[in-house]
Amino acid sequence: MTLRIILLLCLLVLTARTIGATEVFHTAAQQASSPKYVTLPDGHVGGICVDLFRLMEAREPALRIEGDQRFLPLRRLEKKVQHGQLDFICGVGESPARRDHFIVLTPAIFTVRYHLAVRRDDPVEIRSWLDVRALGQGGIILINHGSGAIARLQDIGGLIIDSGGISNQANYEKLLMKRGRFVYYRSPGFESDLREQGLADKIRILPTVMEETPFYILFHRHSAPERLTLFANTLQRLADSGELAALARRYP
């Protein structure tokens, strides 16, 4: 066998090993979830999660993430991960139900602050959940269908929750039609969403932070341990280097 053929065979073996060593993880962009996922002027999808994926790929060449240019509603995204059709969801809060169905990776990728918003002409001021509870039927809270915050609000008790709206836009419309008193959503994302919807002059966000909660990456419960370890270790390295925190600061 000639030296040229031997070298060619070695190159093929090395190439096969390189290809085989690449772990591809599949996800999808979550609809109506700015700034986790946003549609850029050129039509591509960007946002915190997409930027995080590119950082992870740069940090770990053996890791590749696909699917972040395709939007899915949160409920469908959860179902696909739960059934193993996708590997993970980026940037959601944990809850008892989610802990039962997914693996919650640490560290958290960022922390969000939840606020109530009201119609611009509504003079109500809220200091705590006690103020909301005291409003009774006059304190209906509109929240996106499938949101992880629903369970947390139910645990508070005494609150009237309407989770029928499938998006922020649907809940803004219900608010302006006086079919609810409050919209419950998170910052970062709340202010920019109202601006993009052209509603900043019709809806105001109340200043009180009602809760702070970390957002995590949730994985399919039966993920292969070696794949999970590769992903989790890469995320931890970004946290240790300060890159994860720096990324979150870019989206105030």
C-alpha atoms as a PDB file:
ATOM      1  CA  MET A   1       0.000   0.000   0.000  1.00  0.00           C
ATOM      2  CA  THR A   2       1.483   3.323  -1.027  1.00  0.00           C
ATOM      3  CA  LEU A   3       2.188   6.097   1.455  1.00  0.00           C
ATOM      4  CA  ARG A   4      -0.323   8.321  -0.329  1.00  0.00           C
ATOM      5  CA  ILE A   5      -3.122   5.781   0.149  1.00  0.00           C
ATOM      6  CA  ILE A   6      -2.169   5.271   3.803  1.00  0.00           C
ATOM      7  CA  LEU A   7      -2.290   9.012   4.442  1.00  0.00           C
ATOM      8  CA  LEU A   8      -5.655   9.240   2.691  1.00  0.00           C
ATOM      9  CA  LEU A   9      -7.092   6.445   4.822  1.00  0.00           C
ATOM     10  CA  CYS A  10      -5.802   8.121   7.993  1.00  0.00           C
ATOM     11  CA  LEU A  11      -7.439  11.369   6.919  1.00  0.00           C
ATOM     12  CA  LEU A  12     -10.741   9.602   6.309  1.00  0.00           C
ATOM     13  CA  VAL A  13     -10.601   7.954   9.738  1.00  0.00           C
ATOM     14  CA  LEU A  14      -9.858  11.281  11.439  1.00  0.00           C
ATOM     15  CA  THR A  15     -12.687  12.967   9.523  1.00  0.00           C
ATOM     16  CA  ALA A  16     -15.130  10.220  10.497  1.00  0.00           C
ATOM     17  CA  ARG A  17     -14.107  10.546  14.123  1.00  0.00           C
ATOM     18  CA  THR A  18     -14.566  14.328  13.994  1.00  0.00           C
ATOM     19  CA  ILE A  19     -18.015  13.993  12.472  1.00  0.00           C
ATOM     20  CA  GLY A  20     -18.963  11.302  14.950  1.00  0.00           C
ATOM     21  CA  ALA A  21     -17.793  13.446  17.862  1.00  0.00           C
ATOM     22  CA  THR A  22     -20.154  16.295  17.015  1.00  0.00           C
ATOM     23  CA  GLU A  23     -23.284  16.242  19.164  1.00  0.00           C
ATOM     24  CA  VAL A  24     -26.266  17.986  17.579  1.00  0.00           C
ATOM     25  CA  PHE A  25     -28.973  19.280  19.932  1.00  0.00           C
ATOM     26  CA  HIS A  26     -32.390  20.221  18.590  1.00  0.00           C
ATOM     27  CA  THR A  27     -34.694  22.929  19.867  1.00  0.00           C
ATOM     28  CA  ALA A  28     -37.102  25.556  18.511  1.00  0.00           C
ATOM     29  CA  ALA A  29     -37.666  29.265  19.102  1.00  0.00           C
ATOM     30  CA  GLN A  30     -40.531  30.083  21.443  1.00  0.00           C
ATOM     31  CA  GLN A  31     -43.216  32.334  20.015  1.00  0.00           C
ATOM     32  CA  ALA A  32     -43.954  35.675  21.706  1.00  0.00           C
ATOM     33  CA  SER A  33     -40.978  35.393  24.064  1.00  0.00           C
ATOM     34  CA  SER A  34     -38.894  38.535  23.482  1.00  0.00           C
ATOM     35  CA  PRO A  35     -36.065  39.008  24.305  1.00  0.00           C
ATOM     36  CA  LYS A  36     -35.354  35.262  24.396  1.00  0.00           C
ATOM     37  CA  TYR A  37     -36.268  35.065  20.720  1.00  0.00           C
ATOM     38  CA  VAL A  38     -36.857  38.042  18.433  1.00  0.00           C
ATOM     39  CA  THR A  39     -37.263  38.410  14.693  1.00  0.00           C
ATOM     40  CA  LEU A  40     -34.427  40.545  13.342  1.00  0.00           C
ATOM     41  CA  PRO A  41     -34.806  43.066  10.491  1.00  0.00           C
ATOM     42  CA  ASP A  42     -33.225  40.582   8.055  1.00  0.00           C
ATOM     43  CA  GLY A  43     -35.840  37.950   8.924  1.00  0.00           C
ATOM     44  CA  HIS A  44     -33.541  35.756  10.996  1.00  0.00           C
ATOM     45  CA  VAL A  45     -34.276  34.879  14.622  1.00  0.00           C
ATOM     46  CA  GLY A  46     -32.044  36.382  17.294  1.00  0.00           C
ATOM     47  CA  GLY A  47     -32.310  37.093  21.014  1.00  0.00           C
ATOM     48  CA  ILE A  48     -30.735  35.945  24.264  1.00  0.00           C
ATOM     49  CA  CYS A  49     -31.156  32.239  23.568  1.00  0.00           C
ATOM     50  CA  VAL A  50     -29.801  32.385  20.019  1.00  0.00           C
ATOM     51  CA  ASP A  51     -26.807  34.432  21.176  1.00  0.00           C
ATOM     52  CA  LEU A  52     -26.248  31.877  23.944  1.00  0.00           C
ATOM     53  CA  PHE A  53     -26.294  28.996  21.455  1.00  0.00           C
ATOM     54  CA  ARG A  54     -23.624  30.633  19.305  1.00  0.00           C
ATOM     55  CA  LEU A  55     -21.471  31.255  22.396  1.00  0.00           C
ATOM     56  CA  MET A  56     -21.806  27.602  23.388  1.00  0.00           C
ATOM     57  CA  GLU A  57     -20.832  26.412  19.904  1.00  0.00           C
ATOM     58  CA  ALA A  58     -17.802  28.708  19.922  1.00  0.00           C
ATOM     59  CA  ARG A  59     -16.770  27.450  23.360  1.00  0.00           C
ATOM     60  CA  GLU A  60     -17.280  23.732  22.548  1.00  0.00           C
ATOM     61  CA  PRO A  61     -16.621  22.703  18.900  1.00  0.00           C
ATOM     62  CA  ALA A  62     -18.143  19.265  19.553  1.00  0.00           C
ATOM     63  CA  LEU A  63     -21.536  20.848  20.240  1.00  0.00           C
ATOM     64  CA  ARG A  64     -23.998  22.168  17.687  1.00  0.00           C
ATOM     65  CA  ILE A  65     -27.535  23.517  18.223  1.00  0.00           C
ATOM     66  CA  GLU A  66     -30.147  23.464  15.490  1.00  0.00           C
ATOM     67  CA  GLY A  67     -33.766  24.591  15.163  1.00  0.00           C
ATOM     68  CA  ASP A  68     -33.539  28.088  16.650  1.00  0.00           C
ATOM     69  CA  GLN A  69     -34.800  29.695  13.425  1.00  0.00           C
ATOM     70  CA  ARG A  70     -38.223  28.011  13.675  1.00  0.00           C
ATOM     71  CA  PHE A  71     -40.948  29.313  15.989  1.00  0.00           C
ATOM     72  CA  LEU A  72     -43.310  27.120  18.031  1.00  0.00           C
ATOM     73  CA  PRO A  73     -45.882  27.998  20.714  1.00  0.00           C
ATOM     74  CA  LEU A  74     -44.646  27.228  24.226  1.00  0.00           C
ATOM     75  CA  ARG A  75     -47.145  24.442  24.853  1.00  0.00           C
ATOM     76  CA  ARG A  76     -46.156  22.615  21.642  1.00  0.00           C
ATOM     77  CA  LEU A  77     -42.482  23.171  22.383  1.00  0.00           C
ATOM     78  CA  GLU A  78     -42.906  21.614  25.815  1.00  0.00           C
ATOM     79  CA  LYS A  79     -44.745  18.623  24.370  1.00  0.00           C
ATOM     80  CA  LYS A  80     -42.050  18.000  21.768  1.00  0.00           C
ATOM     81  CA  VAL A  81     -39.299  18.065  24.391  1.00  0.00           C
ATOM     82  CA  GLN A  82     -41.323  15.942  26.784  1.00  0.00           C
ATOM     83  CA  HIS A  83     -41.778  13.283  24.073  1.00  0.00           C
ATOM     84  CA  GLY A  84     -38.148  13.427  22.935  1.00  0.00           C
ATOM     85  CA  GLN A  85     -38.859  15.028  19.542  1.00  0.00           C
ATOM     86  CA  LEU A  86     -36.677  17.963  20.603  1.00  0.00           C
ATOM     87  CA  ASP A  87     -33.859  18.023  23.137  1.00  0.00           C
ATOM     88  CA  PHE A  88     -34.508  21.150  25.166  1.00  0.00           C
ATOM     89  CA  ILE A  89     -36.327  24.440  25.807  1.00  0.00           C
ATOM     90  CA  CYS A  90     -34.331  27.604  26.416  1.00  0.00           C
ATOM     91  CA  GLY A  91     -35.289  30.118  29.077  1.00  0.00           C
ATOM     92  CA  VAL A  92     -38.321  29.120  31.133  1.00  0.00           C
ATOM     93  CA  GLY A  93     -39.114  29.132  34.824  1.00  0.00           C
ATOM     94  CA  GLU A  94     -39.263  25.931  36.795  1.00  0.00           C
ATOM     95  CA  SER A  95     -42.343  24.572  38.538  1.00  0.00           C
ATOM     96  CA  PRO A  96     -43.296  21.301  40.241  1.00  0.00           C
ATOM     97  CA  ALA A  97     -44.926  20.071  37.023  1.00  0.00           C
ATOM     98  CA  ARG A  98     -41.883  20.951  34.949  1.00  0.00           C
ATOM     99  CA  ARG A  99     -39.541  19.276  37.417  1.00  0.00           C
ATOM    100  CA  ASP A 100     -41.630  16.130  36.998  1.00  0.00           C
ATOM    101  CA  HIS A 101     -41.342  16.176  33.205  1.00  0.00           C
ATOM    102  CA  PHE A 102     -37.938  17.724  32.451  1.00  0.00           C
ATOM    103  CA  ILE A 103     -34.358  17.928  33.648  1.00  0.00           C
ATOM    104  CA  VAL A 104     -33.632  21.460  34.874  1.00  0.00           C
ATOM    105  CA  LEU A 105     -30.070  22.446  33.977  1.00  0.00           C
ATOM    106  CA  THR A 106     -28.095  24.758  36.231  1.00  0.00           C
ATOM    107  CA  PRO A 107     -26.919  27.445  36.291  1.00  0.00           C
ATOM    108  CA  ALA A 108     -29.912  29.598  35.386  1.00  0.00           C
ATOM    109  CA  ILE A 109     -29.269  31.562  32.204  1.00  0.00           C
ATOM    110  CA  PHE A 110     -30.824  34.794  33.499  1.00  0.00           C
ATOM    111  CA  THR A 111     -33.305  36.114  36.065  1.00  0.00           C
ATOM    112  CA  VAL A 112     -36.557  37.884  35.185  1.00  0.00           C
ATOM    113  CA  ARG A 113     -38.793  40.286  37.103  1.00  0.00           C
ATOM    114  CA  TYR A 114     -42.559  39.955  36.798  1.00  0.00           C
ATOM    115  CA  HIS A 115     -44.800  43.032  36.737  1.00  0.00           C
ATOM    116  CA  LEU A 116     -48.473  43.804  36.373  1.00  0.00           C
ATOM    117  CA  ALA A 117     -49.631  46.170  33.622  1.00  0.00           C
ATOM    118  CA  VAL A 118     -52.916  48.067  33.400  1.00  0.00           C
ATOM    119  CA  ARG A 119     -54.720  50.376  31.003  1.00  0.00           C
ATOM    120  CA  ARG A 120     -53.082  53.788  30.899  1.00  0.00           C
ATOM    121  CA  ASP A 121     -56.219  55.458  32.327  1.00  0.00           C
ATOM    122  CA  ASP A 122     -56.510  53.017  35.251  1.00  0.00           C
ATOM    123  CA  PRO A 123     -55.348  54.812  38.446  1.00  0.00           C
ATOM    124  CA  VAL A 124     -54.851  51.590  40.440  1.00  0.00           C
ATOM    125  CA  GLU A 125     -51.564  51.163  42.301  1.00  0.00           C
ATOM    126  CA  ILE A 126     -50.398  47.794  43.590  1.00  0.00           C
ATOM    127  CA  ARG A 127     -47.872  47.245  46.381  1.00  0.00           C
ATOM    128  CA  SER A 128     -48.343  43.503  46.926  1.00  0.00           C
ATOM    129  CA  TRP A 129     -50.568  40.559  46.088  1.00  0.00           C
ATOM    130  CA  LEU A 130     -52.762  41.531  49.028  1.00  0.00           C
ATOM    131  CA  ASP A 131     -53.848  44.607  47.054  1.00  0.00           C
ATOM    132  CA  VAL A 132     -54.737  42.464  44.044  1.00  0.00           C
ATOM    133  CA  ARG A 133     -56.623  39.921  46.146  1.00  0.00           C
ATOM    134  CA  ALA A 134     -58.645  42.723  47.757  1.00  0.00           C
ATOM    135  CA  LEU A 135     -60.005  43.735  44.333  1.00  0.00           C
ATOM    136  CA  GLY A 136     -61.917  40.449  43.992  1.00  0.00           C
ATOM    137  CA  GLN A 137     -63.628  40.185  40.598  1.00  0.00           C
ATOM    138  CA  GLY A 138     -62.187  43.611  39.797  1.00  0.00           C
ATOM    139  CA  GLY A 139     -58.672  42.186  39.835  1.00  0.00           C
ATOM    140  CA  ILE A 140     -58.640  39.596  37.031  1.00  0.00           C
ATOM    141  CA  ILE A 141     -55.088  38.791  35.950  1.00  0.00           C
ATOM    142  CA  LEU A 142     -54.490  37.976  32.272  1.00  0.00           C
ATOM    143  CA  ILE A 143     -51.547  35.642  31.683  1.00  0.00           C
ATOM    144  CA  ASN A 144     -50.336  33.737  28.640  1.00  0.00           C
ATOM    145  CA  HIS A 145     -51.652  30.205  28.203  1.00  0.00           C
ATOM    146  CA  GLY A 146     -49.029  27.673  29.271  1.00  0.00           C
ATOM    147  CA  SER A 147     -46.894  30.165  31.203  1.00  0.00           C
ATOM    148  CA  GLY A 148     -44.897  28.696  34.069  1.00  0.00           C
ATOM    149  CA  ALA A 149     -46.051  31.624  36.204  1.00  0.00           C
ATOM    150  CA  ILE A 150     -49.621  30.282  36.288  1.00  0.00           C
ATOM    151  CA  ALA A 151     -48.809  27.624  38.882  1.00  0.00           C
ATOM    152  CA  ARG A 152     -46.915  30.137  41.008  1.00  0.00           C
ATOM    153  CA  LEU A 153     -49.896  32.533  41.036  1.00  0.00           C
ATOM    154  CA  GLN A 154     -52.259  29.694  41.868  1.00  0.00           C
ATOM    155  CA  ASP A 155     -50.056  28.803  44.834  1.00  0.00           C
ATOM    156  CA  ILE A 156     -50.477  32.344  46.204  1.00  0.00           C
ATOM    157  CA  GLY A 157     -54.215  31.724  46.499  1.00  0.00           C
ATOM    158  CA  GLY A 158     -57.140  34.100  46.258  1.00  0.00           C
ATOM    159  CA  LEU A 159     -56.196  35.478  42.842  1.00  0.00           C
ATOM    160  CA  ILE A 160     -58.492  35.387  39.810  1.00  0.00           C
ATOM    161  CA  ILE A 161     -56.469  34.210  36.816  1.00  0.00           C
ATOM    162  CA  ASP A 162     -57.470  34.148  33.149  1.00  0.00           C
ATOM    163  CA  SER A 163     -54.928  32.101  31.181  1.00  0.00           C
ATOM    164  CA  GLY A 164     -56.988  31.774  28.007  1.00  0.00           C
ATOM    165  CA  GLY A 165     -54.926  34.236  25.961  1.00  0.00           C
ATOM    166  CA  ILE A 166     -52.387  32.469  23.741  1.00  0.00           C
ATOM    167  CA  SER A 167     -50.069  35.478  23.427  1.00  0.00           C
ATOM    168  CA  ASN A 168     -49.245  38.891  24.843  1.00  0.00           C
ATOM    169  CA  GLN A 169     -51.096  40.502  21.968  1.00  0.00           C
ATOM    170  CA  ALA A 170     -54.271  38.554  22.790  1.00  0.00           C
ATOM    171  CA  ASN A 171     -54.052  39.613  26.424  1.00  0.00           C
ATOM    172  CA  TYR A 172     -53.392  43.249  25.551  1.00  0.00           C
ATOM    173  CA  GLU A 173     -56.556  43.222  23.468  1.00  0.00           C
ATOM    174  CA  LYS A 174     -58.528  41.673  26.334  1.00  0.00           C
ATOM    175  CA  LEU A 175     -57.120  44.272  28.724  1.00  0.00           C
ATOM    176  CA  LEU A 176     -58.121  47.176  26.480  1.00  0.00           C
ATOM    177  CA  MET A 177     -61.593  45.642  26.096  1.00  0.00           C
ATOM    178  CA  LYS A 178     -61.801  45.572  29.929  1.00  0.00           C
ATOM    179  CA  ARG A 179     -62.016  41.794  30.066  1.00  0.00           C
ATOM    180  CA  GLY A 180     -59.299  41.843  32.702  1.00  0.00           C
ATOM    181  CA  ARG A 181     -57.682  44.357  35.060  1.00  0.00           C
ATOM    182  CA  PHE A 182     -54.036  43.302  34.731  1.00  0.00           C
ATOM    183  CA  VAL A 183     -51.633  41.659  32.313  1.00  0.00           C
ATOM    184  CA  TYR A 184     -48.878  39.676  34.006  1.00  0.00           C
ATOM    185  CA  TYR A 185     -45.572  39.388  32.182  1.00  0.00           C
ATOM    186  CA  ARG A 186     -41.854  39.657  32.709  1.00  0.00           C
ATOM    187  CA  SER A 187     -38.982  42.057  32.194  1.00  0.00           C
ATOM    188  CA  PRO A 188     -36.765  41.972  30.265  1.00  0.00           C
ATOM    189  CA  GLY A 189     -39.275  41.807  27.434  1.00  0.00           C
ATOM    190  CA  PHE A 190     -42.357  43.618  28.742  1.00  0.00           C
ATOM    191  CA  GLU A 191     -41.334  47.177  27.839  1.00  0.00           C
ATOM    192  CA  SER A 192     -39.999  46.335  24.389  1.00  0.00           C
ATOM    193  CA  ASP A 193     -43.061  44.230  23.588  1.00  0.00           C
ATOM    194  CA  LEU A 194     -45.433  47.111  24.347  1.00  0.00           C
ATOM    195  CA  ARG A 195     -43.350  49.420  22.166  1.00  0.00           C
ATOM    196  CA  GLU A 196     -43.321  46.942  19.289  1.00  0.00           C
ATOM    197  CA  GLN A 197     -47.098  46.512  19.568  1.00  0.00           C
ATOM    198  CA  GLY A 198     -47.554  50.304  19.533  1.00  0.00           C
ATOM    199  CA  LEU A 199     -49.301  50.165  22.927  1.00  0.00           C
ATOM    200  CA  ALA A 200     -46.933  52.095  25.182  1.00  0.00           C
ATOM    201  CA  ASP A 201     -49.377  55.013  25.208  1.00  0.00           C
ATOM    202  CA  LYS A 202     -52.340  52.770  26.103  1.00  0.00           C
ATOM    203  CA  ILE A 203     -50.869  50.369  28.676  1.00  0.00           C
ATOM    204  CA  ARG A 204     -48.583  51.138  31.608  1.00  0.00           C
ATOM    205  CA  ILE A 205     -46.410  48.745  33.570  1.00  0.00           C
ATOM    206  CA  LEU A 206     -46.755  49.094  37.336  1.00  0.00           C
ATOM    207  CA  PRO A 207     -43.400  49.615  39.086  1.00  0.00           C
ATOM    208  CA  THR A 208     -43.778  46.968  41.800  1.00  0.00           C
ATOM    209  CA  VAL A 209     -41.805  43.790  41.127  1.00  0.00           C
ATOM    210  CA  MET A 210     -44.266  41.031  41.997  1.00  0.00           C
ATOM    211  CA  GLU A 211     -41.717  38.227  41.786  1.00  0.00           C
ATOM    212  CA  GLU A 212     -38.235  37.451  40.553  1.00  0.00           C
ATOM    213  CA  THR A 213     -37.517  34.046  39.127  1.00  0.00           C
ATOM    214  CA  PRO A 214     -34.561  32.420  37.376  1.00  0.00           C
ATOM    215  CA  PHE A 215     -35.011  31.069  33.868  1.00  0.00           C
ATOM    216  CA  TYR A 216     -33.433  27.745  32.991  1.00  0.00           C
ATOM    217  CA  ILE A 217     -32.828  25.367  30.138  1.00  0.00           C
ATOM    218  CA  LEU A 218     -35.093  22.309  30.408  1.00  0.00           C
ATOM    219  CA  PHE A 219     -33.987  19.023  28.836  1.00  0.00           C
ATOM    220  CA  HIS A 220     -35.795  15.884  27.761  1.00  0.00           C
ATOM    221  CA  ARG A 221     -36.005  13.704  30.853  1.00  0.00           C
ATOM    222  CA  HIS A 222     -34.410  10.662  29.214  1.00  0.00           C
ATOM    223  CA  SER A 223     -31.493  12.456  27.556  1.00  0.00           C
ATOM    224  CA  ALA A 224     -28.312  10.412  27.203  1.00  0.00           C
ATOM    225  CA  PRO A 225     -26.040  11.232  30.179  1.00  0.00           C
ATOM    226  CA  GLU A 226     -22.997  11.962  28.015  1.00  0.00           C
ATOM    227  CA  ARG A 227     -24.943  14.414  25.861  1.00  0.00           C
ATOM    228  CA  LEU A 228     -26.432  16.111  28.891  1.00  0.00           C
ATOM    229  CA  THR A 229     -22.995  16.375  30.494  1.00  0.00           C
ATOM    230  CA  LEU A 230     -21.477  17.946  27.373  1.00  0.00           C
ATOM    231  CA  PHE A 231     -24.225  20.572  27.203  1.00  0.00           C
ATOM    232  CA  ALA A 232     -24.277  21.294  30.955  1.00  0.00           C
ATOM    233  CA  ASN A 233     -20.487  21.569  31.211  1.00  0.00           C
ATOM    234  CA  THR A 234     -20.371  24.009  28.311  1.00  0.00           C
ATOM    235  CA  LEU A 235     -23.057  26.154  29.929  1.00  0.00           C
ATOM    236  CA  GLN A 236     -21.173  26.087  33.245  1.00  0.00           C
ATOM    237  CA  ARG A 237     -17.949  27.167  31.558  1.00  0.00           C
ATOM    238  CA  LEU A 238     -19.724  30.213  30.126  1.00  0.00           C
ATOM    239  CA  ALA A 239     -21.064  31.024  33.586  1.00  0.00           C
ATOM    240  CA  ASP A 240     -17.631  30.627  35.189  1.00  0.00           C
ATOM    241  CA  SER A 241     -16.006  32.902  32.601  1.00  0.00           C
ATOM    242  CA  GLY A 242     -18.591  35.653  33.125  1.00  0.00           C
ATOM    243  CA  GLU A 243     -19.812  35.417  29.536  1.00  0.00           C
ATOM    244  CA  LEU A 244     -23.278  34.228  30.568  1.00  0.00           C
ATOM    245  CA  ALA A 245     -23.812  37.192  32.897  1.00  0.00           C
ATOM    246  CA  ALA A 246     -22.464  39.585  30.272  1.00  0.00           C
ATOM    247  CA  LEU A 247     -24.917  38.211  27.735  1.00  0.00           C
ATOM    248  CA  ALA A 248     -27.877  38.785  30.068  1.00  0.00           C
ATOM    249  CA  ARG A 249     -26.772  42.390  30.670  1.00  0.00           C
ATOM    250  CA  ARG A 250     -27.080  43.077  26.957  1.00  0.00           C
ATOM    251  CA  TYR A 251     -30.839  42.649  27.269  1.00  0.00           C
ATOM    252  CA  PRO A 252     -31.985  44.968  30.108  1.00  0.00           C
END
